[in-house]
Amino acid sequence: MPVASGTTHLSGGARTSLDSPPRADIDEYEEAILESLALGWSFCRSSACESAHDAFETAFQRKPSTRLMCYFMDSVGGVDGVGRMLRCRSLKMRSACIRIFELAQRENPVKVSLFGTLETACAQFEARHFQECFESCVDAKPLAPHYAVTRELSEAACRFLRAMASGRYDHEFPSGPEPFFNDMLAKIAEWRKISPESTLPFAYVTTSDPP
């Protein structure tokens, strides 16, 4: 899959220019990195997650420059293009997306995605849709594995699911399920108030990225 011609198939089958920086600035070593990145993107578009991850890893191991990663990102639609990988259910693909943003030193969309997913989880908990809430927390966890809000909300949903399955509400909630539920509603309200810029507080996010 040559890229020396200045174009490659990177986005939805259409030929996308890779000529945003001058081609003279890209040497043979960087051309090889771009080939791996383009191959990974092609596999990603085909939902071949394992193959896409392997191709991206090949590129990452060659330590691409920030300039080259910006070049690649621009060729596939920039932040919006690469950010679509975050909607993939494969943890490997989400991790690859995060790595691309890190290497390009672009604004990382992970926090935005995390807050959106957790806001959905909070709304599901408020509506007593505990299975859906737990599933949303599972979706959020790879974005910030040590995020306290995700863990606490997930555990609360699990307690209700266990109680519903066993019929033993007194075992899960010695003081009754309603006081516990109301306490969680109060916590959700507090989480939402801490940061005016987002639905849930940045202060609760650790610096750990998914492996």
C-alpha atoms as a PDB file:
ATOM      1  CA  MET A   1       0.000   0.000   0.000  1.00  0.00           C
ATOM      2  CA  PRO A   2       2.323   2.756  -1.200  1.00  0.00           C
ATOM      3  CA  VAL A   3       2.004   6.283   0.064  1.00  0.00           C
ATOM      4  CA  ALA A   4       4.799   7.851  -1.946  1.00  0.00           C
ATOM      5  CA  SER A   5       2.278   9.048  -4.488  1.00  0.00           C
ATOM      6  CA  GLY A   6       0.902  11.422  -1.847  1.00  0.00           C
ATOM      7  CA  THR A   7      -2.488   9.749  -1.389  1.00  0.00           C
ATOM      8  CA  THR A   8      -3.802   6.643   0.261  1.00  0.00           C
ATOM      9  CA  HIS A   9      -7.138   5.054   1.081  1.00  0.00           C
ATOM     10  CA  LEU A  10      -7.780   6.299   4.597  1.00  0.00           C
ATOM     11  CA  SER A  11     -11.372   7.420   4.922  1.00  0.00           C
ATOM     12  CA  GLY A  12     -14.452   5.605   3.727  1.00  0.00           C
ATOM     13  CA  GLY A  13     -12.885   4.396   0.482  1.00  0.00           C
ATOM     14  CA  ALA A  14     -12.202   7.907  -0.783  1.00  0.00           C
ATOM     15  CA  ARG A  15      -8.632   8.865  -1.576  1.00  0.00           C
ATOM     16  CA  THR A  16      -7.508  11.288   1.108  1.00  0.00           C
ATOM     17  CA  SER A  17      -4.552  13.600   0.629  1.00  0.00           C
ATOM     18  CA  LEU A  18      -1.573  13.101   2.891  1.00  0.00           C
ATOM     19  CA  ASP A  19       0.076  16.238   1.553  1.00  0.00           C
ATOM     20  CA  SER A  20      -0.714  18.683   4.362  1.00  0.00           C
ATOM     21  CA  PRO A  21       3.006  18.980   5.239  1.00  0.00           C
ATOM     22  CA  PRO A  22       5.396  19.115   2.250  1.00  0.00           C
ATOM     23  CA  ARG A  23       6.217  15.607   1.028  1.00  0.00           C
ATOM     24  CA  ALA A  24       9.899  16.520   1.044  1.00  0.00           C
ATOM     25  CA  ASP A  25       9.710  16.664   4.834  1.00  0.00           C
ATOM     26  CA  ILE A  26       8.782  12.971   5.075  1.00  0.00           C
ATOM     27  CA  ASP A  27      11.609  10.498   4.703  1.00  0.00           C
ATOM     28  CA  GLU A  28      11.507   6.789   3.905  1.00  0.00           C
ATOM     29  CA  TYR A  29      11.363   5.813   7.580  1.00  0.00           C
ATOM     30  CA  GLU A  30       8.318   8.034   8.104  1.00  0.00           C
ATOM     31  CA  GLU A  31       6.736   6.718   4.912  1.00  0.00           C
ATOM     32  CA  ALA A  32       6.872   3.228   6.429  1.00  0.00           C
ATOM     33  CA  ILE A  33       5.185   4.502   9.589  1.00  0.00           C
ATOM     34  CA  LEU A  34       2.473   6.150   7.519  1.00  0.00           C
ATOM     35  CA  GLU A  35       1.885   2.885   5.681  1.00  0.00           C
ATOM     36  CA  SER A  36       1.309   1.094   8.989  1.00  0.00           C
ATOM     37  CA  LEU A  37      -1.007   3.848  10.211  1.00  0.00           C
ATOM     38  CA  ALA A  38      -2.956   3.837   6.966  1.00  0.00           C
ATOM     39  CA  LEU A  39      -3.242   0.053   7.096  1.00  0.00           C
ATOM     40  CA  GLY A  40      -4.515   0.251  10.669  1.00  0.00           C
ATOM     41  CA  TRP A  41      -7.076   2.853   9.667  1.00  0.00           C
ATOM     42  CA  SER A  42      -8.253   0.674   6.771  1.00  0.00           C
ATOM     43  CA  PHE A  43      -8.715  -2.308   9.098  1.00  0.00           C
ATOM     44  CA  CYS A  44     -10.482  -0.057  11.604  1.00  0.00           C
ATOM     45  CA  ARG A  45     -12.952   1.075   8.953  1.00  0.00           C
ATOM     46  CA  SER A  46     -13.634  -2.601   8.197  1.00  0.00           C
ATOM     47  CA  SER A  47     -14.158  -3.408  11.905  1.00  0.00           C
ATOM     48  CA  ALA A  48     -11.149  -5.750  11.835  1.00  0.00           C
ATOM     49  CA  CYS A  49     -10.113  -4.621  15.321  1.00  0.00           C
ATOM     50  CA  GLU A  50      -7.314  -7.111  15.981  1.00  0.00           C
ATOM     51  CA  SER A  51      -5.611  -6.427  12.650  1.00  0.00           C
ATOM     52  CA  ALA A  52      -6.068  -2.683  13.102  1.00  0.00           C
ATOM     53  CA  HIS A  53      -4.519  -2.803  16.561  1.00  0.00           C
ATOM     54  CA  ASP A  54      -1.515  -4.784  15.273  1.00  0.00           C
ATOM     55  CA  ALA A  55      -0.917  -2.295  12.447  1.00  0.00           C
ATOM     56  CA  PHE A  56      -1.170   0.694  14.788  1.00  0.00           C
ATOM     57  CA  GLU A  57       1.180  -0.970  17.278  1.00  0.00           C
ATOM     58  CA  THR A  58       3.729  -1.484  14.495  1.00  0.00           C
ATOM     59  CA  ALA A  59       3.593   2.250  13.827  1.00  0.00           C
ATOM     60  CA  PHE A  60       3.762   3.201  17.519  1.00  0.00           C
ATOM     61  CA  GLN A  61       6.825   1.000  18.112  1.00  0.00           C
ATOM     62  CA  ARG A  62       8.699   3.040  15.505  1.00  0.00           C
ATOM     63  CA  LYS A  63       8.248   6.139  17.669  1.00  0.00           C
ATOM     64  CA  PRO A  64       6.586   8.504  15.187  1.00  0.00           C
ATOM     65  CA  SER A  65       7.135  12.210  15.691  1.00  0.00           C
ATOM     66  CA  THR A  66       4.384  14.529  16.862  1.00  0.00           C
ATOM     67  CA  ARG A  67       4.510  16.229  13.463  1.00  0.00           C
ATOM     68  CA  LEU A  68       3.956  12.927  11.646  1.00  0.00           C
ATOM     69  CA  MET A  69       1.053  11.923  13.896  1.00  0.00           C
ATOM     70  CA  CYS A  70      -0.604  15.304  13.319  1.00  0.00           C
ATOM     71  CA  TYR A  71      -0.086  14.693   9.616  1.00  0.00           C
ATOM     72  CA  PHE A  72      -1.832  11.315   9.879  1.00  0.00           C
ATOM     73  CA  MET A  73      -4.685  12.688  12.005  1.00  0.00           C
ATOM     74  CA  ASP A  74      -5.362  15.479   9.542  1.00  0.00           C
ATOM     75  CA  SER A  75      -5.496  12.946   6.723  1.00  0.00           C
ATOM     76  CA  VAL A  76      -8.295  10.944   8.361  1.00  0.00           C
ATOM     77  CA  GLY A  77     -10.521  13.758   9.546  1.00  0.00           C
ATOM     78  CA  GLY A  78      -8.607  15.173  12.500  1.00  0.00           C
ATOM     79  CA  VAL A  79     -10.063  14.974  16.009  1.00  0.00           C
ATOM     80  CA  ASP A  80     -13.516  13.914  14.784  1.00  0.00           C
ATOM     81  CA  GLY A  81     -12.123  11.211  12.505  1.00  0.00           C
ATOM     82  CA  VAL A  82      -9.863   9.519  15.024  1.00  0.00           C
ATOM     83  CA  GLY A  83     -12.352  10.168  17.822  1.00  0.00           C
ATOM     84  CA  ARG A  84     -14.836   7.842  16.115  1.00  0.00           C
ATOM     85  CA  MET A  85     -12.596   4.993  17.248  1.00  0.00           C
ATOM     86  CA  LEU A  86     -13.759   5.683  20.805  1.00  0.00           C
ATOM     87  CA  ARG A  87     -17.189   4.351  19.858  1.00  0.00           C
ATOM     88  CA  CYS A  88     -15.692   0.962  19.070  1.00  0.00           C
ATOM     89  CA  ARG A  89     -16.461  -1.668  21.725  1.00  0.00           C
ATOM     90  CA  SER A  90     -12.933  -3.072  21.419  1.00  0.00           C
ATOM     91  CA  LEU A  91     -10.716  -1.928  24.298  1.00  0.00           C
ATOM     92  CA  LYS A  92      -7.683  -2.303  22.040  1.00  0.00           C
ATOM     93  CA  MET A  93      -9.130   0.125  19.511  1.00  0.00           C
ATOM     94  CA  ARG A  94     -10.044   2.642  22.204  1.00  0.00           C
ATOM     95  CA  SER A  95      -6.513   2.392  23.567  1.00  0.00           C
ATOM     96  CA  ALA A  96      -5.092   2.925  20.066  1.00  0.00           C
ATOM     97  CA  CYS A  97      -7.254   6.025  19.678  1.00  0.00           C
ATOM     98  CA  ILE A  98      -5.977   7.425  22.963  1.00  0.00           C
ATOM     99  CA  ARG A  99      -2.393   6.702  21.908  1.00  0.00           C
ATOM    100  CA  ILE A 100      -2.845   8.531  18.599  1.00  0.00           C
ATOM    101  CA  PHE A 101      -4.088  11.631  20.423  1.00  0.00           C
ATOM    102  CA  GLU A 102      -1.204  11.426  22.874  1.00  0.00           C
ATOM    103  CA  LEU A 103       1.419  11.119  20.153  1.00  0.00           C
ATOM    104  CA  ALA A 104      -0.112  13.963  18.161  1.00  0.00           C
ATOM    105  CA  GLN A 105      -0.403  16.058  21.339  1.00  0.00           C
ATOM    106  CA  ARG A 106      -3.937  16.960  20.382  1.00  0.00           C
ATOM    107  CA  GLU A 107      -6.762  17.628  22.833  1.00  0.00           C
ATOM    108  CA  ASN A 108      -7.771  14.225  24.150  1.00  0.00           C
ATOM    109  CA  PRO A 109     -11.493  13.459  23.670  1.00  0.00           C
ATOM    110  CA  VAL A 110     -11.453  10.752  26.336  1.00  0.00           C
ATOM    111  CA  LYS A 111     -12.739  12.988  29.128  1.00  0.00           C
ATOM    112  CA  VAL A 112     -15.582  14.228  26.943  1.00  0.00           C
ATOM    113  CA  SER A 113     -16.518  10.660  26.058  1.00  0.00           C
ATOM    114  CA  LEU A 114     -16.160   9.566  29.685  1.00  0.00           C
ATOM    115  CA  PHE A 115     -18.445  12.296  30.967  1.00  0.00           C
ATOM    116  CA  GLY A 116     -21.032  11.629  28.275  1.00  0.00           C
ATOM    117  CA  THR A 117     -21.124   7.914  29.091  1.00  0.00           C
ATOM    118  CA  LEU A 118     -21.316   8.544  32.831  1.00  0.00           C
ATOM    119  CA  GLU A 119     -24.058  11.116  32.445  1.00  0.00           C
ATOM    120  CA  THR A 120     -26.027   8.408  30.642  1.00  0.00           C
ATOM    121  CA  ALA A 121     -25.263   5.996  33.503  1.00  0.00           C
ATOM    122  CA  CYS A 122     -26.402   8.547  36.083  1.00  0.00           C
ATOM    123  CA  ALA A 123     -29.665   9.147  34.243  1.00  0.00           C
ATOM    124  CA  GLN A 124     -30.235   5.390  33.993  1.00  0.00           C
ATOM    125  CA  PHE A 125     -29.638   4.984  37.734  1.00  0.00           C
ATOM    126  CA  GLU A 126     -32.063   7.809  38.480  1.00  0.00           C
ATOM    127  CA  ALA A 127     -34.655   6.016  36.334  1.00  0.00           C
ATOM    128  CA  ARG A 128     -33.930   2.750  38.214  1.00  0.00           C
ATOM    129  CA  HIS A 129     -32.655   1.101  35.043  1.00  0.00           C
ATOM    130  CA  PHE A 130     -29.894  -0.618  36.961  1.00  0.00           C
ATOM    131  CA  GLN A 131     -28.807  -3.139  34.305  1.00  0.00           C
ATOM    132  CA  GLU A 132     -28.415  -0.381  31.724  1.00  0.00           C
ATOM    133  CA  CYS A 133     -26.573   1.761  34.286  1.00  0.00           C
ATOM    134  CA  PHE A 134     -24.127  -1.045  35.013  1.00  0.00           C
ATOM    135  CA  GLU A 135     -23.507  -1.592  31.281  1.00  0.00           C
ATOM    136  CA  SER A 136     -22.805   2.121  30.779  1.00  0.00           C
ATOM    137  CA  CYS A 137     -20.297   2.009  33.644  1.00  0.00           C
ATOM    138  CA  VAL A 138     -18.609  -0.959  31.959  1.00  0.00           C
ATOM    139  CA  ASP A 139     -18.347   1.134  28.774  1.00  0.00           C
ATOM    140  CA  ALA A 140     -16.853   4.030  30.742  1.00  0.00           C
ATOM    141  CA  LYS A 141     -14.304   2.030  32.728  1.00  0.00           C
ATOM    142  CA  PRO A 142     -11.681   1.569  29.952  1.00  0.00           C
ATOM    143  CA  LEU A 143     -11.569   5.352  29.503  1.00  0.00           C
ATOM    144  CA  ALA A 144     -10.443   5.904  33.110  1.00  0.00           C
ATOM    145  CA  PRO A 145      -9.990   2.598  34.957  1.00  0.00           C
ATOM    146  CA  HIS A 146      -9.496   4.199  38.393  1.00  0.00           C
ATOM    147  CA  TYR A 147     -12.262   6.788  38.188  1.00  0.00           C
ATOM    148  CA  ALA A 148     -14.020   6.735  41.572  1.00  0.00           C
ATOM    149  CA  VAL A 149     -17.409   7.808  40.209  1.00  0.00           C
ATOM    150  CA  THR A 150     -17.514   4.899  37.763  1.00  0.00           C
ATOM    151  CA  ARG A 151     -16.656   2.403  40.481  1.00  0.00           C
ATOM    152  CA  GLU A 152     -19.169   3.712  43.022  1.00  0.00           C
ATOM    153  CA  LEU A 153     -22.028   3.987  40.539  1.00  0.00           C
ATOM    154  CA  SER A 154     -21.306   0.528  39.139  1.00  0.00           C
ATOM    155  CA  GLU A 155     -21.230  -1.022  42.623  1.00  0.00           C
ATOM    156  CA  ALA A 156     -24.505   0.664  43.559  1.00  0.00           C
ATOM    157  CA  ALA A 157     -26.222  -0.664  40.425  1.00  0.00           C
ATOM    158  CA  CYS A 158     -24.843  -4.151  41.149  1.00  0.00           C
ATOM    159  CA  ARG A 159     -26.285  -4.096  44.669  1.00  0.00           C
ATOM    160  CA  PHE A 160     -29.740  -3.418  43.287  1.00  0.00           C
ATOM    161  CA  LEU A 161     -29.346  -6.104  40.622  1.00  0.00           C
ATOM    162  CA  ARG A 162     -28.286  -8.685  43.209  1.00  0.00           C
ATOM    163  CA  ALA A 163     -31.188  -7.755  45.472  1.00  0.00           C
ATOM    164  CA  MET A 164     -33.666  -7.968  42.595  1.00  0.00           C
ATOM    165  CA  ALA A 165     -32.308 -11.372  41.549  1.00  0.00           C
ATOM    166  CA  SER A 166     -32.360 -12.884  45.054  1.00  0.00           C
ATOM    167  CA  GLY A 167     -35.304 -11.043  46.515  1.00  0.00           C
ATOM    168  CA  ARG A 168     -33.116 -10.358  49.588  1.00  0.00           C
ATOM    169  CA  TYR A 169     -33.219  -6.579  49.753  1.00  0.00           C
ATOM    170  CA  ASP A 170     -32.497  -6.716  53.480  1.00  0.00           C
ATOM    171  CA  HIS A 171     -29.208  -8.510  52.771  1.00  0.00           C
ATOM    172  CA  GLU A 172     -27.949  -5.776  50.385  1.00  0.00           C
ATOM    173  CA  PHE A 173     -29.571  -2.854  52.185  1.00  0.00           C
ATOM    174  CA  PRO A 174     -29.773  -3.320  55.973  1.00  0.00           C
ATOM    175  CA  SER A 175     -31.383   0.122  56.300  1.00  0.00           C
ATOM    176  CA  GLY A 176     -33.668  -0.440  53.308  1.00  0.00           C
ATOM    177  CA  PRO A 177     -33.167   0.183  49.572  1.00  0.00           C
ATOM    178  CA  GLU A 178     -34.855   3.583  49.442  1.00  0.00           C
ATOM    179  CA  PRO A 179     -32.484   5.389  51.836  1.00  0.00           C
ATOM    180  CA  PHE A 180     -29.530   3.968  49.881  1.00  0.00           C
ATOM    181  CA  PHE A 181     -31.112   4.976  46.562  1.00  0.00           C
ATOM    182  CA  ASN A 182     -31.767   8.497  47.822  1.00  0.00           C
ATOM    183  CA  ASP A 183     -28.187   8.772  49.106  1.00  0.00           C
ATOM    184  CA  MET A 184     -26.927   7.873  45.618  1.00  0.00           C
ATOM    185  CA  LEU A 185     -29.215  10.487  44.047  1.00  0.00           C
ATOM    186  CA  ALA A 186     -27.699  13.074  46.384  1.00  0.00           C
ATOM    187  CA  LYS A 187     -24.191  11.978  45.379  1.00  0.00           C
ATOM    188  CA  ILE A 188     -25.059  12.241  41.690  1.00  0.00           C
ATOM    189  CA  ALA A 189     -26.357  15.758  42.289  1.00  0.00           C
ATOM    190  CA  GLU A 190     -23.095  16.663  44.038  1.00  0.00           C
ATOM    191  CA  TRP A 191     -20.973  15.147  41.247  1.00  0.00           C
ATOM    192  CA  ARG A 192     -22.814  17.286  38.729  1.00  0.00           C
ATOM    193  CA  LYS A 193     -22.300  20.506  40.705  1.00  0.00           C
ATOM    194  CA  ILE A 194     -18.542  20.283  41.205  1.00  0.00           C
ATOM    195  CA  SER A 195     -17.518  21.219  37.649  1.00  0.00           C
ATOM    196  CA  PRO A 196     -19.577  23.784  35.747  1.00  0.00           C
ATOM    197  CA  GLU A 197     -17.706  22.914  32.534  1.00  0.00           C
ATOM    198  CA  SER A 198     -18.846  19.288  32.413  1.00  0.00           C
ATOM    199  CA  THR A 199     -21.592  16.980  33.580  1.00  0.00           C
ATOM    200  CA  LEU A 200     -19.217  15.233  36.011  1.00  0.00           C
ATOM    201  CA  PRO A 201     -16.146  16.629  37.774  1.00  0.00           C
ATOM    202  CA  PHE A 202     -12.711  16.476  36.166  1.00  0.00           C
ATOM    203  CA  ALA A 203     -11.313  16.365  39.698  1.00  0.00           C
ATOM    204  CA  TYR A 204     -12.496  12.780  40.031  1.00  0.00           C
ATOM    205  CA  VAL A 205     -10.500  11.613  36.994  1.00  0.00           C
ATOM    206  CA  THR A 206      -7.146   9.963  37.626  1.00  0.00           C
ATOM    207  CA  THR A 207      -4.253  10.390  35.216  1.00  0.00           C
ATOM    208  CA  SER A 208      -4.205   6.653  34.421  1.00  0.00           C
ATOM    209  CA  ASP A 209      -5.022   5.693  30.865  1.00  0.00           C
ATOM    210  CA  PRO A 210      -6.269   2.273  29.808  1.00  0.00           C
ATOM    211  CA  PRO A 211      -3.512  -0.292  29.289  1.00  0.00           C
END
